[in-house]
PDB file of all heavy atoms in Angstrom:
ATOM      1  N   ALA A   1     150.902  78.387  35.779  1.00  0.00           N
ATOM      2  CA  ALA A   1     149.768  78.564  36.821  1.00  0.00           C
ATOM      3  C   ALA A   1     150.131  77.604  38.085  1.00  0.00           C
ATOM      4  O   ALA A   1     149.657  77.805  39.026  1.00  0.00           O
ATOM      5  CB  ALA A   1     148.481  78.156  36.226  1.00  0.00           C
ATOM      6  N   LEU A   2     150.946  76.562  37.874  1.00  0.00           N
ATOM      7  CA  LEU A   2     151.308  75.644  38.937  1.00  0.00           C
ATOM      8  C   LEU A   2     152.717  75.924  39.457  1.00  0.00           C
ATOM      9  O   LEU A   2     153.272  75.090  40.206  1.00  0.00           O
ATOM     10  CB  LEU A   2     151.173  74.218  38.398  1.00  0.00           C
ATOM     11  CG  LEU A   2     149.725  73.697  38.352  1.00  0.00           C
ATOM     12  CD1 LEU A   2     149.639  72.592  37.396  1.00  0.00           C
ATOM     13  CD2 LEU A   2     149.167  73.441  39.759  1.00  0.00           C
ATOM     14  N   GLY A   3     153.211  77.151  39.166  1.00  0.00           N
ATOM     15  CA  GLY A   3     154.529  77.478  39.767  1.00  0.00           C
ATOM     16  C   GLY A   3     155.683  76.871  39.173  1.00  0.00           C
ATOM     17  O   GLY A   3     156.696  76.578  39.752  1.00  0.00           O
ATOM     18  N   LEU A   4     155.579  76.258  37.844  1.00  0.00           N
ATOM     19  CA  LEU A   4     156.654  75.611  37.265  1.00  0.00           C
ATOM     20  C   LEU A   4     157.164  76.251  36.095  1.00  0.00           C
ATOM     21  O   LEU A   4     157.794  75.682  35.207  1.00  0.00           O
ATOM     22  CB  LEU A   4     156.091  74.210  36.841  1.00  0.00           C
ATOM     23  CG  LEU A   4     155.792  73.237  37.895  1.00  0.00           C
ATOM     24  CD1 LEU A   4     155.033  71.991  37.334  1.00  0.00           C
ATOM     25  CD2 LEU A   4     156.993  72.837  38.810  1.00  0.00           C
ATOM     26  N   ALA A   5     157.209  77.757  36.117  1.00  0.00           N
ATOM     27  CA  ALA A   5     157.796  78.514  35.040  1.00  0.00           C
ATOM     28  C   ALA A   5     159.265  78.165  34.807  1.00  0.00           C
ATOM     29  O   ALA A   5     159.838  78.147  33.702  1.00  0.00           O
ATOM     30  CB  ALA A   5     157.577  79.930  35.260  1.00  0.00           C
ATOM     31  N   HIS A   6     159.994  77.776  35.811  1.00  0.00           N
ATOM     32  CA  HIS A   6     161.345  77.507  35.930  1.00  0.00           C
ATOM     33  C   HIS A   6     161.684  76.053  35.525  1.00  0.00           C
ATOM     34  O   HIS A   6     162.859  75.687  35.400  1.00  0.00           O
ATOM     35  CB  HIS A   6     161.954  77.809  37.241  1.00  0.00           C
ATOM     36  CG  HIS A   6     161.504  76.962  38.361  1.00  0.00           C
ATOM     37  ND1 HIS A   6     160.170  76.933  38.685  1.00  0.00           N
ATOM     38  CD2 HIS A   6     162.097  76.154  39.224  1.00  0.00           C
ATOM     39  CE1 HIS A   6     159.875  76.092  39.598  1.00  0.00           C
ATOM     40  NE2 HIS A   6     161.126  75.725  39.995  1.00  0.00           N
ATOM     41  N   ARG A   7     160.577  75.215  35.190  1.00  0.00           N
ATOM     42  CA  ARG A   7     160.906  73.919  34.906  1.00  0.00           C
ATOM     43  C   ARG A   7     160.420  73.415  33.519  1.00  0.00           C
ATOM     44  O   ARG A   7     160.301  72.241  33.226  1.00  0.00           O
ATOM     45  CB  ARG A   7     160.149  72.966  35.907  1.00  0.00           C
ATOM     46  CG  ARG A   7     160.774  72.989  37.304  1.00  0.00           C
ATOM     47  CD  ARG A   7     162.136  72.236  37.235  1.00  0.00           C
ATOM     48  NE  ARG A   7     162.651  72.126  38.692  1.00  0.00           N
ATOM     49  CZ  ARG A   7     163.929  72.612  38.958  1.00  0.00           C
ATOM     50  NH1 ARG A   7     164.460  73.556  38.130  1.00  0.00           N
ATOM     51  NH2 ARG A   7     164.352  72.504  40.159  1.00  0.00           N
ATOM     52  N   LEU A   8     160.142  74.327  32.667  1.00  0.00           N
ATOM     53  CA  LEU A   8     159.561  74.167  31.378  1.00  0.00           C
ATOM     54  C   LEU A   8     160.369  73.215  30.568  1.00  0.00           C
ATOM     55  O   LEU A   8     159.941  72.258  29.786  1.00  0.00           O
ATOM     56  CB  LEU A   8     159.345  75.428  30.542  1.00  0.00           C
ATOM     57  CG  LEU A   8     158.424  76.514  31.167  1.00  0.00           C
ATOM     58  CD1 LEU A   8     158.332  77.722  30.099  1.00  0.00           C
ATOM     59  CD2 LEU A   8     156.988  76.062  31.406  1.00  0.00           C
ATOM     60  N   ASN A   9     161.680  73.321  30.601  1.00  0.00           N
ATOM     61  CA  ASN A   9     162.609  72.581  29.733  1.00  0.00           C
ATOM     62  C   ASN A   9     163.329  71.491  30.526  1.00  0.00           C
ATOM     63  O   ASN A   9     164.336  71.012  29.992  1.00  0.00           O
ATOM     64  CB  ASN A   9     163.652  73.561  29.080  1.00  0.00           C
ATOM     65  CG  ASN A   9     162.811  74.600  28.155  1.00  0.00           C
ATOM     66  OD1 ASN A   9     162.126  74.248  27.408  1.00  0.00           O
ATOM     67  ND2 ASN A   9     163.204  75.871  28.367  1.00  0.00           N
ATOM     68  N   HIS A  10     162.868  71.106  31.649  1.00  0.00           N
ATOM     69  CA  HIS A  10     163.385  70.093  32.424  1.00  0.00           C
ATOM     70  C   HIS A  10     162.780  68.820  32.094  1.00  0.00           C
ATOM     71  O   HIS A  10     161.564  68.691  31.962  1.00  0.00           O
ATOM     72  CB  HIS A  10     163.300  70.301  33.838  1.00  0.00           C
ATOM     73  CG  HIS A  10     164.217  71.474  34.480  1.00  0.00           C
ATOM     74  ND1 HIS A  10     164.087  72.834  33.935  1.00  0.00           N
ATOM     75  CD2 HIS A  10     165.363  71.420  35.200  1.00  0.00           C
ATOM     76  CE1 HIS A  10     165.069  73.473  34.422  1.00  0.00           C
ATOM     77  NE2 HIS A  10     165.879  72.664  35.252  1.00  0.00           N
ATOM     78  N   LEU A  11     163.559  67.545  32.151  1.00  0.00           N
ATOM     79  CA  LEU A  11     163.019  66.259  31.983  1.00  0.00           C
ATOM     80  C   LEU A  11     162.400  65.845  33.530  1.00  0.00           C
ATOM     81  O   LEU A  11     162.782  66.365  34.402  1.00  0.00           O
ATOM     82  CB  LEU A  11     164.129  65.276  31.706  1.00  0.00           C
ATOM     83  CG  LEU A  11     164.792  65.443  30.251  1.00  0.00           C
ATOM     84  CD1 LEU A  11     165.999  64.594  30.174  1.00  0.00           C
ATOM     85  CD2 LEU A  11     163.720  65.117  29.205  1.00  0.00           C
ATOM     86  N   PRO A  12     161.507  64.891  33.426  1.00  0.00           N
ATOM     87  CA  PRO A  12     161.017  64.493  34.751  1.00  0.00           C
ATOM     88  C   PRO A  12     162.060  64.018  35.634  1.00  0.00           C
ATOM     89  O   PRO A  12     161.949  64.299  37.001  1.00  0.00           O
ATOM     90  CB  PRO A  12     160.158  63.238  34.352  1.00  0.00           C
ATOM     91  CG  PRO A  12     159.660  63.556  33.027  1.00  0.00           C
ATOM     92  CD  PRO A  12     160.865  64.222  32.200  1.00  0.00           C
ATOM     93  N   SER A  13     163.144  63.372  35.201  1.00  0.00           N
ATOM     94  CA  SER A  13     164.282  63.032  36.144  1.00  0.00           C
ATOM     95  C   SER A  13     165.007  64.209  36.824  1.00  0.00           C
ATOM     96  O   SER A  13     165.692  64.092  37.738  1.00  0.00           O
ATOM     97  CB  SER A  13     165.349  62.240  35.414  1.00  0.00           C
ATOM     98  OG  SER A  13     165.804  62.946  34.274  1.00  0.00           O
ATOM     99  N   GLN A  14     164.763  65.436  36.197  1.00  0.00           N
ATOM    100  CA  GLN A  14     165.441  66.566  36.741  1.00  0.00           C
ATOM    101  C   GLN A  14     164.502  67.344  37.593  1.00  0.00           C
ATOM    102  O   GLN A  14     165.038  68.400  38.141  1.00  0.00           O
ATOM    103  CB  GLN A  14     165.834  67.475  35.657  1.00  0.00           C
ATOM    104  CG  GLN A  14     166.988  66.829  34.625  1.00  0.00           C
ATOM    105  CD  GLN A  14     167.137  67.686  33.384  1.00  0.00           C
ATOM    106  OE1 GLN A  14     166.195  68.216  32.771  1.00  0.00           O
ATOM    107  NE2 GLN A  14     168.438  67.725  33.047  1.00  0.00           N
ATOM    108  N   MET A  15     163.342  66.855  38.015  1.00  0.00           N
ATOM    109  CA  MET A  15     162.416  67.518  38.842  1.00  0.00           C
ATOM    110  C   MET A  15     162.217  66.746  40.182  1.00  0.00           C
ATOM    111  O   MET A  15     162.401  65.592  40.153  1.00  0.00           O
ATOM    112  CB  MET A  15     161.039  67.708  38.120  1.00  0.00           C
ATOM    113  CG  MET A  15     161.185  68.686  36.965  1.00  0.00           C
ATOM    114  SD  MET A  15     159.502  68.928  36.271  1.00  0.00           S
ATOM    115  CE  MET A  15     159.162  67.581  35.243  1.00  0.00           C
ATOM    116  N   SER A  16     161.747  67.413  41.159  1.00  0.00           N
ATOM    117  CA  SER A  16     161.390  66.842  42.508  1.00  0.00           C
ATOM    118  C   SER A  16     160.019  66.169  42.335  1.00  0.00           C
ATOM    119  O   SER A  16     159.385  66.225  41.440  1.00  0.00           O
ATOM    120  CB  SER A  16     161.200  67.818  43.592  1.00  0.00           C
ATOM    121  OG  SER A  16     160.143  68.534  43.439  1.00  0.00           O
ATOM    122  N   GLY A  17     159.880  65.289  43.244  1.00  0.00           N
ATOM    123  CA  GLY A  17     158.574  64.479  43.287  1.00  0.00           C
ATOM    124  C   GLY A  17     157.221  65.302  43.238  1.00  0.00           C
ATOM    125  O   GLY A  17     156.376  65.176  42.470  1.00  0.00           O
ATOM    126  N   GLY A  18     157.444  66.514  44.015  1.00  0.00           N
ATOM    127  CA  GLY A  18     156.152  67.462  43.992  1.00  0.00           C
ATOM    128  C   GLY A  18     156.104  68.167  42.614  1.00  0.00           C
ATOM    129  O   GLY A  18     155.064  68.332  42.225  1.00  0.00           O
ATOM    130  N   GLU A  19     157.285  68.495  42.031  1.00  0.00           N
ATOM    131  CA  GLU A  19     157.230  69.086  40.830  1.00  0.00           C
ATOM    132  C   GLU A  19     156.698  68.117  39.682  1.00  0.00           C
ATOM    133  O   GLU A  19     155.837  68.600  38.874  1.00  0.00           O
ATOM    134  CB  GLU A  19     158.613  69.583  40.364  1.00  0.00           C
ATOM    135  CG  GLU A  19     159.177  70.798  41.293  1.00  0.00           C
ATOM    136  CD  GLU A  19     160.629  71.059  41.051  1.00  0.00           C
ATOM    137  OE1 GLU A  19     161.279  70.265  40.542  1.00  0.00           O
ATOM    138  OE2 GLU A  19     160.971  72.323  41.366  1.00  0.00           O
ATOM    139  N   ARG A  20     157.125  66.902  39.721  1.00  0.00           N
ATOM    140  CA  ARG A  20     156.593  65.966  38.735  1.00  0.00           C
ATOM    141  C   ARG A  20     155.092  65.794  38.937  1.00  0.00           C
ATOM    142  O   ARG A  20     154.261  65.744  37.839  1.00  0.00           O
ATOM    143  CB  ARG A  20     157.198  64.611  38.834  1.00  0.00           C
ATOM    144  CG  ARG A  20     158.732  64.699  38.473  1.00  0.00           C
ATOM    145  CD  ARG A  20     159.269  63.209  38.321  1.00  0.00           C
ATOM    146  NE  ARG A  20     159.574  62.627  39.740  1.00  0.00           N
ATOM    147  CZ  ARG A  20     160.712  62.532  40.283  1.00  0.00           C
ATOM    148  NH1 ARG A  20     161.731  63.158  39.720  1.00  0.00           N
ATOM    149  NH2 ARG A  20     160.785  61.814  41.437  1.00  0.00           N
ATOM    150  N   GLN A  21     154.633  65.809  40.033  1.00  0.00           N
ATOM    151  CA  GLN A  21     153.197  65.668  40.371  1.00  0.00           C
ATOM    152  C   GLN A  21     152.311  66.901  39.840  1.00  0.00           C
ATOM    153  O   GLN A  21     151.306  66.843  39.202  1.00  0.00           O
ATOM    154  CB  GLN A  21     152.926  65.296  41.792  1.00  0.00           C
ATOM    155  CG  GLN A  21     151.527  64.571  42.033  1.00  0.00           C
ATOM    156  CD  GLN A  21     151.618  63.233  41.282  1.00  0.00           C
ATOM    157  OE1 GLN A  21     152.262  62.862  40.436  1.00  0.00           O
ATOM    158  NE2 GLN A  21     150.530  62.349  41.599  1.00  0.00           N
ATOM    159  N   ARG A  22     152.926  68.087  40.079  1.00  0.00           N
ATOM    160  CA  ARG A  22     152.324  69.427  39.585  1.00  0.00           C
ATOM    161  C   ARG A  22     152.369  69.416  38.104  1.00  0.00           C
ATOM    162  O   ARG A  22     151.386  69.721  37.378  1.00  0.00           O
ATOM    163  CB  ARG A  22     153.080  70.599  40.042  1.00  0.00           C
ATOM    164  CG  ARG A  22     152.816  70.953  41.418  1.00  0.00           C
ATOM    165  CD  ARG A  22     153.276  72.434  41.657  1.00  0.00           C
ATOM    166  NE  ARG A  22     152.977  72.683  43.077  1.00  0.00           N
ATOM    167  CZ  ARG A  22     153.832  72.501  44.086  1.00  0.00           C
ATOM    168  NH1 ARG A  22     154.972  71.915  43.861  1.00  0.00           N
ATOM    169  NH2 ARG A  22     153.497  72.854  45.319  1.00  0.00           N
ATOM    170  N   CYS A  23     153.401  68.747  37.324  1.00  0.00           N
ATOM    171  CA  CYS A  23     153.408  68.683  36.021  1.00  0.00           C
ATOM    172  C   CYS A  23     152.344  67.844  35.436  1.00  0.00           C
ATOM    173  O   CYS A  23     151.704  68.042  34.425  1.00  0.00           O
ATOM    174  CB  CYS A  23     154.798  68.105  35.600  1.00  0.00           C
ATOM    175  SG  CYS A  23     155.122  68.125  33.796  1.00  0.00           S
ATOM    176  N   ALA A  24     152.106  66.682  36.270  1.00  0.00           N
ATOM    177  CA  ALA A  24     151.034  65.735  35.782  1.00  0.00           C
ATOM    178  C   ALA A  24     149.657  66.464  35.985  1.00  0.00           C
ATOM    179  O   ALA A  24     148.876  66.215  35.249  1.00  0.00           O
ATOM    180  CB  ALA A  24     151.094  64.497  36.689  1.00  0.00           C
ATOM    181  N   ILE A  25     149.576  67.197  36.864  1.00  0.00           N
ATOM    182  CA  ILE A  25     148.208  67.946  37.146  1.00  0.00           C
ATOM    183  C   ILE A  25     148.066  69.018  35.962  1.00  0.00           C
ATOM    184  O   ILE A  25     147.018  69.106  35.465  1.00  0.00           O
ATOM    185  CB  ILE A  25     148.223  68.752  38.497  1.00  0.00           C
ATOM    186  CG1 ILE A  25     148.059  67.780  39.681  1.00  0.00           C
ATOM    187  CG2 ILE A  25     147.137  69.753  38.491  1.00  0.00           C
ATOM    188  CD1 ILE A  25     148.394  68.294  40.986  1.00  0.00           C
ATOM    189  N   ALA A  26     149.116  69.655  35.622  1.00  0.00           N
ATOM    190  CA  ALA A  26     149.110  70.598  34.460  1.00  0.00           C
ATOM    191  C   ALA A  26     148.625  69.946  33.166  1.00  0.00           C
ATOM    192  O   ALA A  26     147.859  70.433  32.342  1.00  0.00           O
ATOM    193  CB  ALA A  26     150.539  71.166  34.268  1.00  0.00           C
ATOM    194  N   ARG A  27     149.287  68.730  32.941  1.00  0.00           N
ATOM    195  CA  ARG A  27     148.871  67.860  31.800  1.00  0.00           C
ATOM    196  C   ARG A  27     147.361  67.544  31.822  1.00  0.00           C
ATOM    197  O   ARG A  27     146.674  67.621  30.861  1.00  0.00           O
ATOM    198  CB  ARG A  27     149.668  66.594  31.784  1.00  0.00           C
ATOM    199  CG  ARG A  27     149.423  65.693  30.594  1.00  0.00           C
ATOM    200  CD  ARG A  27     150.249  64.466  30.582  1.00  0.00           C
ATOM    201  NE  ARG A  27     150.115  63.649  31.932  1.00  0.00           N
ATOM    202  CZ  ARG A  27     150.796  62.623  32.264  1.00  0.00           C
ATOM    203  NH1 ARG A  27     151.904  62.271  31.430  1.00  0.00           N
ATOM    204  NH2 ARG A  27     150.598  62.024  33.403  1.00  0.00           N
ATOM    205  N   ALA A  28     146.895  67.237  32.958  1.00  0.00           N
ATOM    206  CA  ALA A  28     145.420  66.861  33.104  1.00  0.00           C
ATOM    207  C   ALA A  28     144.578  68.048  32.963  1.00  0.00           C
ATOM    208  O   ALA A  28     143.444  67.903  32.363  1.00  0.00           O
ATOM    209  CB  ALA A  28     145.135  66.299  34.495  1.00  0.00           C
ATOM    210  N   MET A  29     145.039  69.241  33.291  1.00  0.00           N
ATOM    211  CA  MET A  29     144.229  70.421  33.275  1.00  0.00           C
ATOM    212  C   MET A  29     144.333  71.076  31.880  1.00  0.00           C
ATOM    213  O   MET A  29     143.508  72.025  31.531  1.00  0.00           O
ATOM    214  CB  MET A  29     144.595  71.406  34.241  1.00  0.00           C
ATOM    215  CG  MET A  29     144.239  71.084  35.585  1.00  0.00           C
ATOM    216  SD  MET A  29     142.502  71.392  35.974  1.00  0.00           S
ATOM    217  CE  MET A  29     142.443  71.233  37.643  1.00  0.00           C
ATOM    218  N   VAL A  30     145.354  70.850  31.046  1.00  0.00           N
ATOM    219  CA  VAL A  30     145.583  71.691  29.887  1.00  0.00           C
ATOM    220  C   VAL A  30     144.506  71.566  28.824  1.00  0.00           C
ATOM    221  O   VAL A  30     144.211  72.633  28.100  1.00  0.00           O
ATOM    222  CB  VAL A  30     146.855  71.248  29.241  1.00  0.00           C
ATOM    223  CG1 VAL A  30     146.941  69.908  28.618  1.00  0.00           C
ATOM    224  CG2 VAL A  30     147.505  72.327  28.381  1.00  0.00           C
ATOM    225  N   THR A  31     143.714  70.593  28.739  1.00  0.00           N
ATOM    226  CA  THR A  31     142.564  70.503  27.890  1.00  0.00           C
ATOM    227  C   THR A  31     141.220  71.151  28.410  1.00  0.00           C
ATOM    228  O   THR A  31     140.282  71.074  27.762  1.00  0.00           O
ATOM    229  CB  THR A  31     142.290  69.008  27.590  1.00  0.00           C
ATOM    230  OG1 THR A  31     141.824  68.335  28.745  1.00  0.00           O
ATOM    231  CG2 THR A  31     143.395  68.368  26.807  1.00  0.00           C
ATOM    232  N   LYS A  32     141.406  71.801  29.580  1.00  0.00           N
ATOM    233  CA  LYS A  32     140.256  72.329  30.256  1.00  0.00           C
ATOM    234  C   LYS A  32     139.157  71.314  30.390  1.00  0.00           C
ATOM    235  O   LYS A  32     137.971  71.595  29.866  1.00  0.00           O
ATOM    236  CB  LYS A  32     139.932  73.551  29.629  1.00  0.00           C
ATOM    237  CG  LYS A  32     140.842  74.682  29.730  1.00  0.00           C
ATOM    238  CD  LYS A  32     140.353  76.073  29.332  1.00  0.00           C
ATOM    239  CE  LYS A  32     141.151  77.146  29.858  1.00  0.00           C
ATOM    240  NZ  LYS A  32     142.535  77.177  29.398  1.00  0.00           N
ATOM    241  N   PRO A  33     139.345  70.255  31.061  1.00  0.00           N
ATOM    242  CA  PRO A  33     138.283  69.086  31.013  1.00  0.00           C
ATOM    243  C   PRO A  33     137.094  69.547  32.006  1.00  0.00           C
ATOM    244  O   PRO A  33     137.209  70.362  32.787  1.00  0.00           O
ATOM    245  CB  PRO A  33     139.044  67.892  31.644  1.00  0.00           C
ATOM    246  CG  PRO A  33     140.136  68.507  32.602  1.00  0.00           C
ATOM    247  CD  PRO A  33     140.462  69.865  31.765  1.00  0.00           C
TER     248      PRO A  33
END
């Protein structure tokens, strides 16, 4: 949903700053808070 389908199996060190932050947003959203 955050456009990171191509980054599922990447470590944070393998992602750009924006991708890491989107990943953090996905983590915050995954529980549907």
